Amino acid sequence: QVHLVEAGGGLVQPGGSLRLSCAASGRIGDNYRMGWYRQAPGKERAFVALVTGRGAPRYADHVKGRFTISRDNAQKPIHLHMNSLKPDDTGVYYCHFQRFPTGKSYWGQGTHVTVSS
């Protein structure tokens, strides 16, 4: 079992910045991915960014150049640095953990991000 605890989020004006954090505890192992998905109002949950167990980042096209996912070192919390935020970035951001090779997934409880003037 893996437990995810998220922090961050809130209300920010367009062009502003926010940082989300997610800490994982439990049976983490070495072969996994952690990242973020966003669920906009009335839409399905969609991939935002992830970092592999080896620290390699991957991004959705619509956040490339604006968001950065980071992790200090293995099994430490991950952070999503969101810059140049747009109203379309509004939604509930969910931390996601996926273990390999089983593919077993875990989700955080979600944190709200609202980009509005």
PDB file of N, CA and C in Angstrom:
ATOM      1  N   GLN A   1       0.845  -1.193   0.000  1.00  0.00           N
ATOM      2  CA  GLN A   1       0.000   0.000   0.000  1.00  0.00           C
ATOM      3  C   GLN A   1       0.884   1.248   0.000  1.00  0.00           C
ATOM      4  N   VAL A   2       0.471   2.264  -0.735  1.00  0.00           N
ATOM      5  CA  VAL A   2       1.174   3.542  -0.797  1.00  0.00           C
ATOM      6  C   VAL A   2       0.194   4.640  -0.433  1.00  0.00           C
ATOM      7  N   HIS A   3       0.617   5.531   0.434  1.00  0.00           N
ATOM      8  CA  HIS A   3      -0.218   6.652   0.853  1.00  0.00           C
ATOM      9  C   HIS A   3       0.401   7.950   0.338  1.00  0.00           C
ATOM     10  N   LEU A   4      -0.418   8.789  -0.293  1.00  0.00           N
ATOM     11  CA  LEU A   4       0.049  10.040  -0.876  1.00  0.00           C
ATOM     12  C   LEU A   4      -0.561  11.220  -0.137  1.00  0.00           C
ATOM     13  N   VAL A   5       0.284  12.180   0.196  1.00  0.00           N
ATOM     14  CA  VAL A   5      -0.177  13.396   0.868  1.00  0.00           C
ATOM     15  C   VAL A   5       0.240  14.596   0.027  1.00  0.00           C
ATOM     16  N   GLU A   6      -0.738  15.384  -0.376  1.00  0.00           N
ATOM     17  CA  GLU A   6      -0.492  16.532  -1.234  1.00  0.00           C
ATOM     18  C   GLU A   6      -0.520  17.818  -0.416  1.00  0.00           C
ATOM     19  N   ALA A   7       0.177  18.823  -0.933  1.00  0.00           N
ATOM     20  CA  ALA A   7       0.170  20.148  -0.322  1.00  0.00           C
ATOM     21  C   ALA A   7       0.324  21.183  -1.419  1.00  0.00           C
ATOM     22  N   GLY A   8      -0.150  22.393  -1.132  1.00  0.00           N
ATOM     23  CA  GLY A   8      -0.066  23.467  -2.112  1.00  0.00           C
ATOM     24  C   GLY A   8      -1.418  23.734  -2.733  1.00  0.00           C
ATOM     25  N   GLY A   9      -1.422  24.453  -3.814  1.00  0.00           N
ATOM     26  CA  GLY A   9      -2.665  24.808  -4.465  1.00  0.00           C
ATOM     27  C   GLY A   9      -3.208  26.109  -3.912  1.00  0.00           C
ATOM     28  N   GLY A  10      -4.334  26.538  -4.461  1.00  0.00           N
ATOM     29  CA  GLY A  10      -4.957  27.769  -4.012  1.00  0.00           C
ATOM     30  C   GLY A  10      -5.402  28.620  -5.177  1.00  0.00           C
ATOM     31  N   LEU A  11      -5.602  29.890  -4.890  1.00  0.00           N
ATOM     32  CA  LEU A  11      -6.062  30.862  -5.885  1.00  0.00           C
ATOM     33  C   LEU A  11      -4.894  31.745  -6.311  1.00  0.00           C
ATOM     34  N   VAL A  12      -4.735  31.915  -7.613  1.00  0.00           N
ATOM     35  CA  VAL A  12      -3.653  32.739  -8.136  1.00  0.00           C
ATOM     36  C   VAL A  12      -4.149  33.480  -9.369  1.00  0.00           C
ATOM     37  N   GLN A  13      -3.600  34.641  -9.607  1.00  0.00           N
ATOM     38  CA  GLN A  13      -3.978  35.413 -10.789  1.00  0.00           C
ATOM     39  C   GLN A  13      -3.270  34.871 -12.025  1.00  0.00           C
ATOM     40  N   PRO A  14      -3.840  35.089 -13.200  1.00  0.00           N
ATOM     41  CA  PRO A  14      -3.166  34.670 -14.431  1.00  0.00           C
ATOM     42  C   PRO A  14      -1.757  35.255 -14.500  1.00  0.00           C
ATOM     43  N   GLY A  15      -0.818  34.405 -14.927  1.00  0.00           N
ATOM     44  CA  GLY A  15       0.587  34.794 -14.979  1.00  0.00           C
ATOM     45  C   GLY A  15       1.341  34.497 -13.710  1.00  0.00           C
ATOM     46  N   GLY A  16       0.627  34.126 -12.662  1.00  0.00           N
ATOM     47  CA  GLY A  16       1.259  33.843 -11.384  1.00  0.00           C
ATOM     48  C   GLY A  16       1.842  32.449 -11.307  1.00  0.00           C
ATOM     49  N   SER A  17       2.329  32.117 -10.106  1.00  0.00           N
ATOM     50  CA  SER A  17       2.992  30.836  -9.878  1.00  0.00           C
ATOM     51  C   SER A  17       2.459  30.164  -8.628  1.00  0.00           C
ATOM     52  N   LEU A  18       2.526  28.837  -8.632  1.00  0.00           N
ATOM     53  CA  LEU A  18       2.184  28.029  -7.475  1.00  0.00           C
ATOM     54  C   LEU A  18       3.106  26.821  -7.443  1.00  0.00           C
ATOM     55  N   ARG A  19       3.233  26.224  -6.266  1.00  0.00           N
ATOM     56  CA  ARG A  19       3.979  24.994  -6.146  1.00  0.00           C
ATOM     57  C   ARG A  19       3.135  23.955  -5.431  1.00  0.00           C
ATOM     58  N   LEU A  20       3.050  22.775  -6.030  1.00  0.00           N
ATOM     59  CA  LEU A  20       2.388  21.632  -5.418  1.00  0.00           C
ATOM     60  C   LEU A  20       3.441  20.639  -4.965  1.00  0.00           C
ATOM     61  N   SER A  21       3.157  19.966  -3.868  1.00  0.00           N
ATOM     62  CA  SER A  21       4.060  18.940  -3.362  1.00  0.00           C
ATOM     63  C   SER A  21       3.273  17.670  -3.079  1.00  0.00           C
ATOM     64  N   CYS A  22       3.960  16.538  -3.196  1.00  0.00           N
ATOM     65  CA  CYS A  22       3.329  15.250  -2.915  1.00  0.00           C
ATOM     66  C   CYS A  22       4.359  14.342  -2.266  1.00  0.00           C
ATOM     67  N   ALA A  23       4.016  13.831  -1.103  1.00  0.00           N
ATOM     68  CA  ALA A  23       4.886  12.910  -0.389  1.00  0.00           C
ATOM     69  C   ALA A  23       4.269  11.519  -0.382  1.00  0.00           C
ATOM     70  N   ALA A  24       5.075  10.520  -0.682  1.00  0.00           N
ATOM     71  CA  ALA A  24       4.615   9.131  -0.693  1.00  0.00           C
ATOM     72  C   ALA A  24       5.202   8.376   0.486  1.00  0.00           C
ATOM     73  N   SER A  25       4.393   7.523   1.079  1.00  0.00           N
ATOM     74  CA  SER A  25       4.867   6.660   2.162  1.00  0.00           C
ATOM     75  C   SER A  25       4.296   5.267   1.960  1.00  0.00           C
ATOM     76  N   GLY A  26       4.973   4.297   2.564  1.00  0.00           N
ATOM     77  CA  GLY A  26       4.543   2.911   2.420  1.00  0.00           C
ATOM     78  C   GLY A  26       5.515   2.129   1.556  1.00  0.00           C
ATOM     79  N   ARG A  27       4.976   1.152   0.811  1.00  0.00           N
ATOM     80  CA  ARG A  27       5.805   0.277  -0.024  1.00  0.00           C
ATOM     81  C   ARG A  27       6.119   0.975  -1.344  1.00  0.00           C
ATOM     82  N   ILE A  28       7.155   1.813  -1.352  1.00  0.00           N
ATOM     83  CA  ILE A  28       7.470   2.605  -2.535  1.00  0.00           C
ATOM     84  C   ILE A  28       8.324   1.824  -3.514  1.00  0.00           C
ATOM     85  N   GLY A  29       9.395   1.218  -3.060  1.00  0.00           N
ATOM     86  CA  GLY A  29      10.297   0.485  -3.941  1.00  0.00           C
ATOM     87  C   GLY A  29      11.153   1.427  -4.765  1.00  0.00           C
ATOM     88  N   ASP A  30      11.794   0.863  -5.799  1.00  0.00           N
ATOM     89  CA  ASP A  30      12.706   1.639  -6.635  1.00  0.00           C
ATOM     90  C   ASP A  30      12.171   1.865  -8.052  1.00  0.00           C
ATOM     91  N   ASN A  31      11.226   1.027  -8.496  1.00  0.00           N
ATOM     92  CA  ASN A  31      10.748   1.087  -9.877  1.00  0.00           C
ATOM     93  C   ASN A  31       9.343   1.662  -9.880  1.00  0.00           C
ATOM     94  N   TYR A  32       9.225   2.972 -10.067  1.00  0.00           N
ATOM     95  CA  TYR A  32       7.922   3.624  -9.987  1.00  0.00           C
ATOM     96  C   TYR A  32       7.964   4.956 -10.744  1.00  0.00           C
ATOM     97  N   ARG A  33       6.785   5.507 -10.897  1.00  0.00           N
ATOM     98  CA  ARG A  33       6.638   6.865 -11.404  1.00  0.00           C
ATOM     99  C   ARG A  33       5.707   7.616 -10.464  1.00  0.00           C
ATOM    100  N   MET A  34       5.985   8.907 -10.300  1.00  0.00           N
ATOM    101  CA  MET A  34       5.099   9.788  -9.532  1.00  0.00           C
ATOM    102  C   MET A  34       4.840  11.023 -10.351  1.00  0.00           C
ATOM    103  N   GLY A  35       3.647  11.523 -10.257  1.00  0.00           N
ATOM    104  CA  GLY A  35       3.352  12.712 -11.026  1.00  0.00           C
ATOM    105  C   GLY A  35       2.015  13.323 -10.675  1.00  0.00           C
ATOM    106  N   TRP A  36       1.512  14.139 -11.609  1.00  0.00           N
ATOM    107  CA  TRP A  36       0.293  14.902 -11.387  1.00  0.00           C
ATOM    108  C   TRP A  36      -0.654  14.785 -12.578  1.00  0.00           C
ATOM    109  N   TYR A  37      -1.923  14.716 -12.233  1.00  0.00           N
ATOM    110  CA  TYR A  37      -2.997  14.788 -13.205  1.00  0.00           C
ATOM    111  C   TYR A  37      -3.914  15.934 -12.797  1.00  0.00           C
ATOM    112  N   ARG A  38      -4.582  16.528 -13.760  1.00  0.00           N
ATOM    113  CA  ARG A  38      -5.522  17.605 -13.485  1.00  0.00           C
ATOM    114  C   ARG A  38      -6.912  17.212 -13.989  1.00  0.00           C
ATOM    115  N   GLN A  39      -7.902  17.507 -13.178  1.00  0.00           N
ATOM    116  CA  GLN A  39      -9.287  17.332 -13.595  1.00  0.00           C
ATOM    117  C   GLN A  39      -9.948  18.694 -13.603  1.00  0.00           C
ATOM    118  N   ALA A  40     -10.156  19.214 -14.798  1.00  0.00           N
ATOM    119  CA  ALA A  40     -10.830  20.498 -14.950  1.00  0.00           C
ATOM    120  C   ALA A  40     -12.334  20.302 -14.768  1.00  0.00           C
ATOM    121  N   PRO A  41     -13.041  21.360 -14.411  1.00  0.00           N
ATOM    122  CA  PRO A  41     -14.495  21.242 -14.217  1.00  0.00           C
ATOM    123  C   PRO A  41     -15.192  20.662 -15.442  1.00  0.00           C
ATOM    124  N   GLY A  42     -15.946  19.594 -15.243  1.00  0.00           N
ATOM    125  CA  GLY A  42     -16.691  18.979 -16.322  1.00  0.00           C
ATOM    126  C   GLY A  42     -15.882  18.146 -17.282  1.00  0.00           C
ATOM    127  N   LYS A  43     -14.611  17.909 -16.962  1.00  0.00           N
ATOM    128  CA  LYS A  43     -13.754  17.153 -17.862  1.00  0.00           C
ATOM    129  C   LYS A  43     -13.130  15.969 -17.137  1.00  0.00           C
ATOM    130  N   GLU A  44     -12.546  15.061 -17.921  1.00  0.00           N
ATOM    131  CA  GLU A  44     -11.889  13.904 -17.348  1.00  0.00           C
ATOM    132  C   GLU A  44     -10.500  14.283 -16.829  1.00  0.00           C
ATOM    133  N   ARG A  45      -9.995  13.442 -15.955  1.00  0.00           N
ATOM    134  CA  ARG A  45      -8.657  13.633 -15.415  1.00  0.00           C
ATOM    135  C   ARG A  45      -7.625  13.449 -16.524  1.00  0.00           C
ATOM    136  N   ALA A  46      -6.636  14.361 -16.584  1.00  0.00           N
ATOM    137  CA  ALA A  46      -5.665  14.333 -17.670  1.00  0.00           C
ATOM    138  C   ALA A  46      -4.255  14.494 -17.131  1.00  0.00           C
ATOM    139  N   PHE A  47      -3.317  13.871 -17.809  1.00  0.00           N
ATOM    140  CA  PHE A  47      -1.920  13.884 -17.418  1.00  0.00           C
ATOM    141  C   PHE A  47      -1.337  15.299 -17.494  1.00  0.00           C
ATOM    142  N   VAL A  48      -0.499  15.631 -16.487  1.00  0.00           N
ATOM    143  CA  VAL A  48       0.195  16.916 -16.465  1.00  0.00           C
ATOM    144  C   VAL A  48       1.705  16.707 -16.545  1.00  0.00           C
ATOM    145  N   ALA A  49       2.247  15.964 -15.579  1.00  0.00           N
ATOM    146  CA  ALA A  49       3.697  15.751 -15.541  1.00  0.00           C
ATOM    147  C   ALA A  49       3.989  14.571 -14.632  1.00  0.00           C
ATOM    148  N   LEU A  50       5.164  13.944 -14.850  1.00  0.00           N
ATOM    149  CA  LEU A  50       5.599  12.873 -13.966  1.00  0.00           C
ATOM    150  C   LEU A  50       7.124  12.853 -13.888  1.00  0.00           C
ATOM    151  N   VAL A  51       7.609  12.173 -12.877  1.00  0.00           N
ATOM    152  CA  VAL A  51       9.038  11.923 -12.745  1.00  0.00           C
ATOM    153  C   VAL A  51       9.203  10.440 -12.465  1.00  0.00           C
ATOM    154  N   THR A  52      10.154   9.817 -13.143  1.00  0.00           N
ATOM    155  CA  THR A  52      10.369   8.393 -12.946  1.00  0.00           C
ATOM    156  C   THR A  52      11.188   8.157 -11.675  1.00  0.00           C
ATOM    157  N   GLY A  53      11.324   6.907 -11.323  1.00  0.00           N
ATOM    158  CA  GLY A  53      12.116   6.554 -10.155  1.00  0.00           C
ATOM    159  C   GLY A  53      13.569   6.965 -10.288  1.00  0.00           C
ATOM    160  N   ARG A  54      14.029   7.114 -11.512  1.00  0.00           N
ATOM    161  CA  ARG A  54      15.406   7.540 -11.770  1.00  0.00           C
ATOM    162  C   ARG A  54      15.507   9.052 -11.927  1.00  0.00           C
ATOM    163  N   GLY A  55      14.392   9.757 -11.777  1.00  0.00           N
ATOM    164  CA  GLY A  55      14.429  11.203 -11.817  1.00  0.00           C
ATOM    165  C   GLY A  55      14.178  11.829 -13.169  1.00  0.00           C
ATOM    166  N   ALA A  56      13.782  11.045 -14.173  1.00  0.00           N
ATOM    167  CA  ALA A  56      13.543  11.595 -15.506  1.00  0.00           C
ATOM    168  C   ALA A  56      12.151  12.226 -15.565  1.00  0.00           C
ATOM    169  N   PRO A  57      12.045  13.488 -15.989  1.00  0.00           N
ATOM    170  CA  PRO A  57      10.735  14.148 -16.055  1.00  0.00           C
ATOM    171  C   PRO A  57      10.055  13.967 -17.412  1.00  0.00           C
ATOM    172  N   ARG A  58       8.731  13.999 -17.394  1.00  0.00           N
ATOM    173  CA  ARG A  58       7.936  13.999 -18.613  1.00  0.00           C
ATOM    174  C   ARG A  58       6.789  14.968 -18.412  1.00  0.00           C
ATOM    175  N   TYR A  59       6.385  15.657 -19.504  1.00  0.00           N
ATOM    176  CA  TYR A  59       5.367  16.695 -19.413  1.00  0.00           C
ATOM    177  C   TYR A  59       4.329  16.553 -20.512  1.00  0.00           C
ATOM    178  N   ALA A  60       3.116  16.976 -20.182  1.00  0.00           N
ATOM    179  CA  ALA A  60       2.099  17.145 -21.208  1.00  0.00           C
ATOM    180  C   ALA A  60       2.480  18.365 -22.044  1.00  0.00           C
ATOM    181  N   ASP A  61       2.104  18.345 -23.306  1.00  0.00           N
ATOM    182  CA  ASP A  61       2.522  19.419 -24.211  1.00  0.00           C
ATOM    183  C   ASP A  61       2.055  20.794 -23.717  1.00  0.00           C
ATOM    184  N   HIS A  62       0.882  20.871 -23.125  1.00  0.00           N
ATOM    185  CA  HIS A  62       0.327  22.176 -22.769  1.00  0.00           C
ATOM    186  C   HIS A  62       0.982  22.814 -21.544  1.00  0.00           C
ATOM    187  N   VAL A  63       1.894  22.091 -20.884  1.00  0.00           N
ATOM    188  CA  VAL A  63       2.591  22.683 -19.740  1.00  0.00           C
ATOM    189  C   VAL A  63       4.091  22.796 -19.965  1.00  0.00           C
ATOM    190  N   LYS A  64       4.587  22.263 -21.076  1.00  0.00           N
ATOM    191  CA  LYS A  64       6.021  22.332 -21.351  1.00  0.00           C
ATOM    192  C   LYS A  64       6.478  23.788 -21.390  1.00  0.00           C
ATOM    193  N   GLY A  65       7.594  24.057 -20.723  1.00  0.00           N
ATOM    194  CA  GLY A  65       8.118  25.412 -20.667  1.00  0.00           C
ATOM    195  C   GLY A  65       7.531  26.249 -19.549  1.00  0.00           C
ATOM    196  N   ARG A  66       6.447  25.785 -18.934  1.00  0.00           N
ATOM    197  CA  ARG A  66       5.820  26.551 -17.851  1.00  0.00           C
ATOM    198  C   ARG A  66       5.888  25.815 -16.510  1.00  0.00           C
ATOM    199  N   PHE A  67       5.754  24.514 -16.549  1.00  0.00           N
ATOM    200  CA  PHE A  67       5.770  23.700 -15.335  1.00  0.00           C
ATOM    201  C   PHE A  67       7.073  22.917 -15.251  1.00  0.00           C
ATOM    202  N   THR A  68       7.535  22.716 -14.028  1.00  0.00           N
ATOM    203  CA  THR A  68       8.716  21.899 -13.784  1.00  0.00           C
ATOM    204  C   THR A  68       8.416  20.947 -12.637  1.00  0.00           C
ATOM    205  N   ILE A  69       8.678  19.660 -12.876  1.00  0.00           N
ATOM    206  CA  ILE A  69       8.506  18.672 -11.812  1.00  0.00           C
ATOM    207  C   ILE A  69       9.890  18.316 -11.289  1.00  0.00           C
ATOM    208  N   SER A  70      10.004  18.218  -9.987  1.00  0.00           N
ATOM    209  CA  SER A  70      11.306  17.962  -9.401  1.00  0.00           C
ATOM    210  C   SER A  70      11.183  17.050  -8.187  1.00  0.00           C
ATOM    211  N   ARG A  71      12.318  16.478  -7.841  1.00  0.00           N
ATOM    212  CA  ARG A  71      12.402  15.632  -6.657  1.00  0.00           C
ATOM    213  C   ARG A  71      13.828  15.748  -6.145  1.00  0.00           C
ATOM    214  N   ASP A  72      14.006  16.003  -4.865  1.00  0.00           N
ATOM    215  CA  ASP A  72      15.345  16.220  -4.326  1.00  0.00           C
ATOM    216  C   ASP A  72      16.204  14.978  -4.484  1.00  0.00           C
ATOM    217  N   ASN A  73      15.662  13.855  -4.102  1.00  0.00           N
ATOM    218  CA  ASN A  73      16.338  12.572  -4.313  1.00  0.00           C
ATOM    219  C   ASN A  73      15.308  11.468  -4.141  1.00  0.00           C
ATOM    220  N   ALA A  74      15.716  10.244  -4.347  1.00  0.00           N
ATOM    221  CA  ALA A  74      14.791   9.125  -4.370  1.00  0.00           C
ATOM    222  C   ALA A  74      13.977   9.060  -3.078  1.00  0.00           C
ATOM    223  N   GLN A  75      12.699   8.775  -3.241  1.00  0.00           N
ATOM    224  CA  GLN A  75      11.753   8.586  -2.145  1.00  0.00           C
ATOM    225  C   GLN A  75      11.559   9.840  -1.304  1.00  0.00           C
ATOM    226  N   LYS A  76      11.858  10.995  -1.899  1.00  0.00           N
ATOM    227  CA  LYS A  76      11.536  12.264  -1.268  1.00  0.00           C
ATOM    228  C   LYS A  76      10.307  12.834  -1.947  1.00  0.00           C
ATOM    229  N   PRO A  77       9.668  13.834  -1.320  1.00  0.00           N
ATOM    230  CA  PRO A  77       8.493  14.417  -1.971  1.00  0.00           C
ATOM    231  C   PRO A  77       8.821  14.977  -3.357  1.00  0.00           C
ATOM    232  N   ILE A  78       7.826  14.929  -4.220  1.00  0.00           N
ATOM    233  CA  ILE A  78       7.986  15.570  -5.513  1.00  0.00           C
ATOM    234  C   ILE A  78       7.297  16.924  -5.472  1.00  0.00           C
ATOM    235  N   HIS A  79       7.748  17.820  -6.331  1.00  0.00           N
ATOM    236  CA  HIS A  79       7.194  19.170  -6.388  1.00  0.00           C
ATOM    237  C   HIS A  79       6.837  19.507  -7.832  1.00  0.00           C
ATOM    238  N   LEU A  80       5.735  20.194  -7.990  1.00  0.00           N
ATOM    239  CA  LEU A  80       5.353  20.693  -9.304  1.00  0.00           C
ATOM    240  C   LEU A  80       5.369  22.207  -9.231  1.00  0.00           C
ATOM    241  N   HIS A  81       6.332  22.803  -9.898  1.00  0.00           N
ATOM    242  CA  HIS A  81       6.450  24.252  -9.933  1.00  0.00           C
ATOM    243  C   HIS A  81       5.687  24.739 -11.159  1.00  0.00           C
ATOM    244  N   MET A  82       4.644  25.499 -10.922  1.00  0.00           N
ATOM    245  CA  MET A  82       3.778  25.957 -12.007  1.00  0.00           C
ATOM    246  C   MET A  82       3.955  27.452 -12.193  1.00  0.00           C
ATOM    247  N   ASN A  83       4.449  27.847 -13.339  1.00  0.00           N
ATOM    248  CA  ASN A  83       4.669  29.256 -13.659  1.00  0.00           C
ATOM    249  C   ASN A  83       3.792  29.677 -14.832  1.00  0.00           C
ATOM    250  N   SER A  84       3.659  30.974 -15.003  1.00  0.00           N
ATOM    251  CA  SER A  84       2.861  31.527 -16.111  1.00  0.00           C
ATOM    252  C   SER A  84       1.494  30.858 -16.178  1.00  0.00           C
ATOM    253  N   LEU A  85       0.845  30.769 -15.049  1.00  0.00           N
ATOM    254  CA  LEU A  85      -0.431  30.058 -14.979  1.00  0.00           C
ATOM    255  C   LEU A  85      -1.508  30.760 -15.790  1.00  0.00           C
ATOM    256  N   LYS A  86      -2.369  29.926 -16.376  1.00  0.00           N
ATOM    257  CA  LYS A  86      -3.463  30.413 -17.205  1.00  0.00           C
ATOM    258  C   LYS A  86      -4.786  29.949 -16.598  1.00  0.00           C
ATOM    259  N   PRO A  87      -5.885  30.626 -16.926  1.00  0.00           N
ATOM    260  CA  PRO A  87      -7.186  30.160 -16.437  1.00  0.00           C
ATOM    261  C   PRO A  87      -7.459  28.699 -16.817  1.00  0.00           C
ATOM    262  N   ASP A  88      -6.960  28.241 -17.962  1.00  0.00           N
ATOM    263  CA  ASP A  88      -7.163  26.850 -18.368  1.00  0.00           C
ATOM    264  C   ASP A  88      -6.435  25.852 -17.472  1.00  0.00           C
ATOM    265  N   ASP A  89      -5.529  26.322 -16.640  1.00  0.00           N
ATOM    266  CA  ASP A  89      -4.839  25.431 -15.703  1.00  0.00           C
ATOM    267  C   ASP A  89      -5.684  25.142 -14.461  1.00  0.00           C
ATOM    268  N   THR A  90      -6.810  25.793 -14.356  1.00  0.00           N
ATOM    269  CA  THR A  90      -7.703  25.591 -13.211  1.00  0.00           C
ATOM    270  C   THR A  90      -8.206  24.156 -13.148  1.00  0.00           C
ATOM    271  N   GLY A  91      -8.257  23.618 -11.949  1.00  0.00           N
ATOM    272  CA  GLY A  91      -8.788  22.275 -11.752  1.00  0.00           C
ATOM    273  C   GLY A  91      -8.333  21.682 -10.446  1.00  0.00           C
ATOM    274  N   VAL A  92      -8.686  20.430 -10.255  1.00  0.00           N
ATOM    275  CA  VAL A  92      -8.205  19.679  -9.105  1.00  0.00           C
ATOM    276  C   VAL A  92      -6.997  18.872  -9.561  1.00  0.00           C
ATOM    277  N   TYR A  93      -5.894  19.052  -8.862  1.00  0.00           N
ATOM    278  CA  TYR A  93      -4.655  18.365  -9.207  1.00  0.00           C
ATOM    279  C   TYR A  93      -4.484  17.170  -8.280  1.00  0.00           C
ATOM    280  N   TYR A  94      -4.307  16.017  -8.915  1.00  0.00           N
ATOM    281  CA  TYR A  94      -4.168  14.767  -8.165  1.00  0.00           C
ATOM    282  C   TYR A  94      -2.757  14.222  -8.305  1.00  0.00           C
ATOM    283  N   CYS A  95      -2.165  13.884  -7.189  1.00  0.00           N
ATOM    284  CA  CYS A  95      -0.885  13.194  -7.211  1.00  0.00           C
ATOM    285  C   CYS A  95      -1.126  11.724  -7.555  1.00  0.00           C
ATOM    286  N   HIS A  96      -0.261  11.172  -8.363  1.00  0.00           N
ATOM    287  CA  HIS A  96      -0.401   9.802  -8.839  1.00  0.00           C
ATOM    288  C   HIS A  96       0.902   9.044  -8.641  1.00  0.00           C
ATOM    289  N   PHE A  97       0.792   7.815  -8.158  1.00  0.00           N
ATOM    290  CA  PHE A  97       1.940   6.929  -7.978  1.00  0.00           C
ATOM    291  C   PHE A  97       1.640   5.634  -8.698  1.00  0.00           C
ATOM    292  N   GLN A  98       2.601   5.167  -9.487  1.00  0.00           N
ATOM    293  CA  GLN A  98       2.423   3.900 -10.190  1.00  0.00           C
ATOM    294  C   GLN A  98       3.663   3.044 -10.032  1.00  0.00           C
ATOM    295  N   ARG A  99       3.449   1.841  -9.537  1.00  0.00           N
ATOM    296  CA  ARG A  99       4.555   0.916  -9.293  1.00  0.00           C
ATOM    297  C   ARG A  99       4.705  -0.021 -10.481  1.00  0.00           C
ATOM    298  N   PHE A 100       5.961  -0.317 -10.798  1.00  0.00           N
ATOM    299  CA  PHE A 100       6.255  -1.260 -11.871  1.00  0.00           C
ATOM    300  C   PHE A 100       6.999  -2.465 -11.303  1.00  0.00           C
ATOM    301  N   PRO A 101       6.861  -3.672 -11.910  1.00  0.00           N
ATOM    302  CA  PRO A 101       6.177  -3.956 -13.175  1.00  0.00           C
ATOM    303  C   PRO A 101       4.683  -4.232 -13.043  1.00  0.00           C
ATOM    304  N   THR A 102       4.140  -4.182 -11.829  1.00  0.00           N
ATOM    305  CA  THR A 102       2.728  -4.539 -11.678  1.00  0.00           C
ATOM    306  C   THR A 102       1.783  -3.515 -12.304  1.00  0.00           C
ATOM    307  N   GLY A 103       2.206  -2.241 -12.341  1.00  0.00           N
ATOM    308  CA  GLY A 103       1.317  -1.209 -12.843  1.00  0.00           C
ATOM    309  C   GLY A 103       0.308  -0.713 -11.823  1.00  0.00           C
ATOM    310  N   LYS A 104       0.392  -1.179 -10.610  1.00  0.00           N
ATOM    311  CA  LYS A 104      -0.547  -0.778  -9.556  1.00  0.00           C
ATOM    312  C   LYS A 104      -0.469   0.733  -9.339  1.00  0.00           C
ATOM    313  N   SER A 105      -1.633   1.388  -9.279  1.00  0.00           N
ATOM    314  CA  SER A 105      -1.714   2.843  -9.142  1.00  0.00           C
ATOM    315  C   SER A 105      -2.343   3.257  -7.832  1.00  0.00           C
ATOM    316  N   TYR A 106      -1.901   4.421  -7.354  1.00  0.00           N
ATOM    317  CA  TYR A 106      -2.486   5.044  -6.173  1.00  0.00           C
ATOM    318  C   TYR A 106      -2.691   6.528  -6.475  1.00  0.00           C
ATOM    319  N   TRP A 107      -3.719   7.113  -5.820  1.00  0.00           N
ATOM    320  CA  TRP A 107      -4.040   8.521  -6.041  1.00  0.00           C
ATOM    321  C   TRP A 107      -4.085   9.263  -4.723  1.00  0.00           C
ATOM    322  N   GLY A 108      -3.702  10.552  -4.782  1.00  0.00           N
ATOM    323  CA  GLY A 108      -3.889  11.425  -3.646  1.00  0.00           C
ATOM    324  C   GLY A 108      -5.329  11.917  -3.602  1.00  0.00           C
ATOM    325  N   GLN A 109      -5.612  12.738  -2.601  1.00  0.00           N
ATOM    326  CA  GLN A 109      -6.989  13.195  -2.398  1.00  0.00           C
ATOM    327  C   GLN A 109      -7.334  14.386  -3.297  1.00  0.00           C
ATOM    328  N   GLY A 110      -6.327  14.996  -3.905  1.00  0.00           N
ATOM    329  CA  GLY A 110      -6.560  16.122  -4.798  1.00  0.00           C
ATOM    330  C   GLY A 110      -6.410  17.461  -4.092  1.00  0.00           C
ATOM    331  N   THR A 111      -5.898  18.441  -4.830  1.00  0.00           N
ATOM    332  CA  THR A 111      -5.777  19.798  -4.302  1.00  0.00           C
ATOM    333  C   THR A 111      -6.243  20.771  -5.380  1.00  0.00           C
ATOM    334  N   HIS A 112      -6.982  21.796  -4.972  1.00  0.00           N
ATOM    335  CA  HIS A 112      -7.588  22.704  -5.916  1.00  0.00           C
ATOM    336  C   HIS A 112      -6.626  23.816  -6.329  1.00  0.00           C
ATOM    337  N   VAL A 113      -6.604  24.081  -7.622  1.00  0.00           N
ATOM    338  CA  VAL A 113      -5.870  25.207  -8.177  1.00  0.00           C
ATOM    339  C   VAL A 113      -6.852  26.039  -8.996  1.00  0.00           C
ATOM    340  N   THR A 114      -6.955  27.311  -8.654  1.00  0.00           N
ATOM    341  CA  THR A 114      -7.838  28.219  -9.385  1.00  0.00           C
ATOM    342  C   THR A 114      -7.018  29.389  -9.897  1.00  0.00           C
ATOM    343  N   VAL A 115      -7.044  29.570 -11.209  1.00  0.00           N
ATOM    344  CA  VAL A 115      -6.332  30.681 -11.841  1.00  0.00           C
ATOM    345  C   VAL A 115      -7.384  31.657 -12.348  1.00  0.00           C
ATOM    346  N   SER A 116      -7.479  32.786 -11.679  1.00  0.00           N
ATOM    347  CA  SER A 116      -8.538  33.743 -12.005  1.00  0.00           C
ATOM    348  C   SER A 116      -8.141  35.126 -11.527  1.00  0.00           C
ATOM    349  N   SER A 117      -8.592  36.119 -12.265  1.00  0.00           N
ATOM    350  CA  SER A 117      -8.352  37.499 -11.841  1.00  0.00           C
ATOM    351  C   SER A 117      -9.537  38.012 -11.026  1.00  0.00           C
TER     352      SER A 117
END
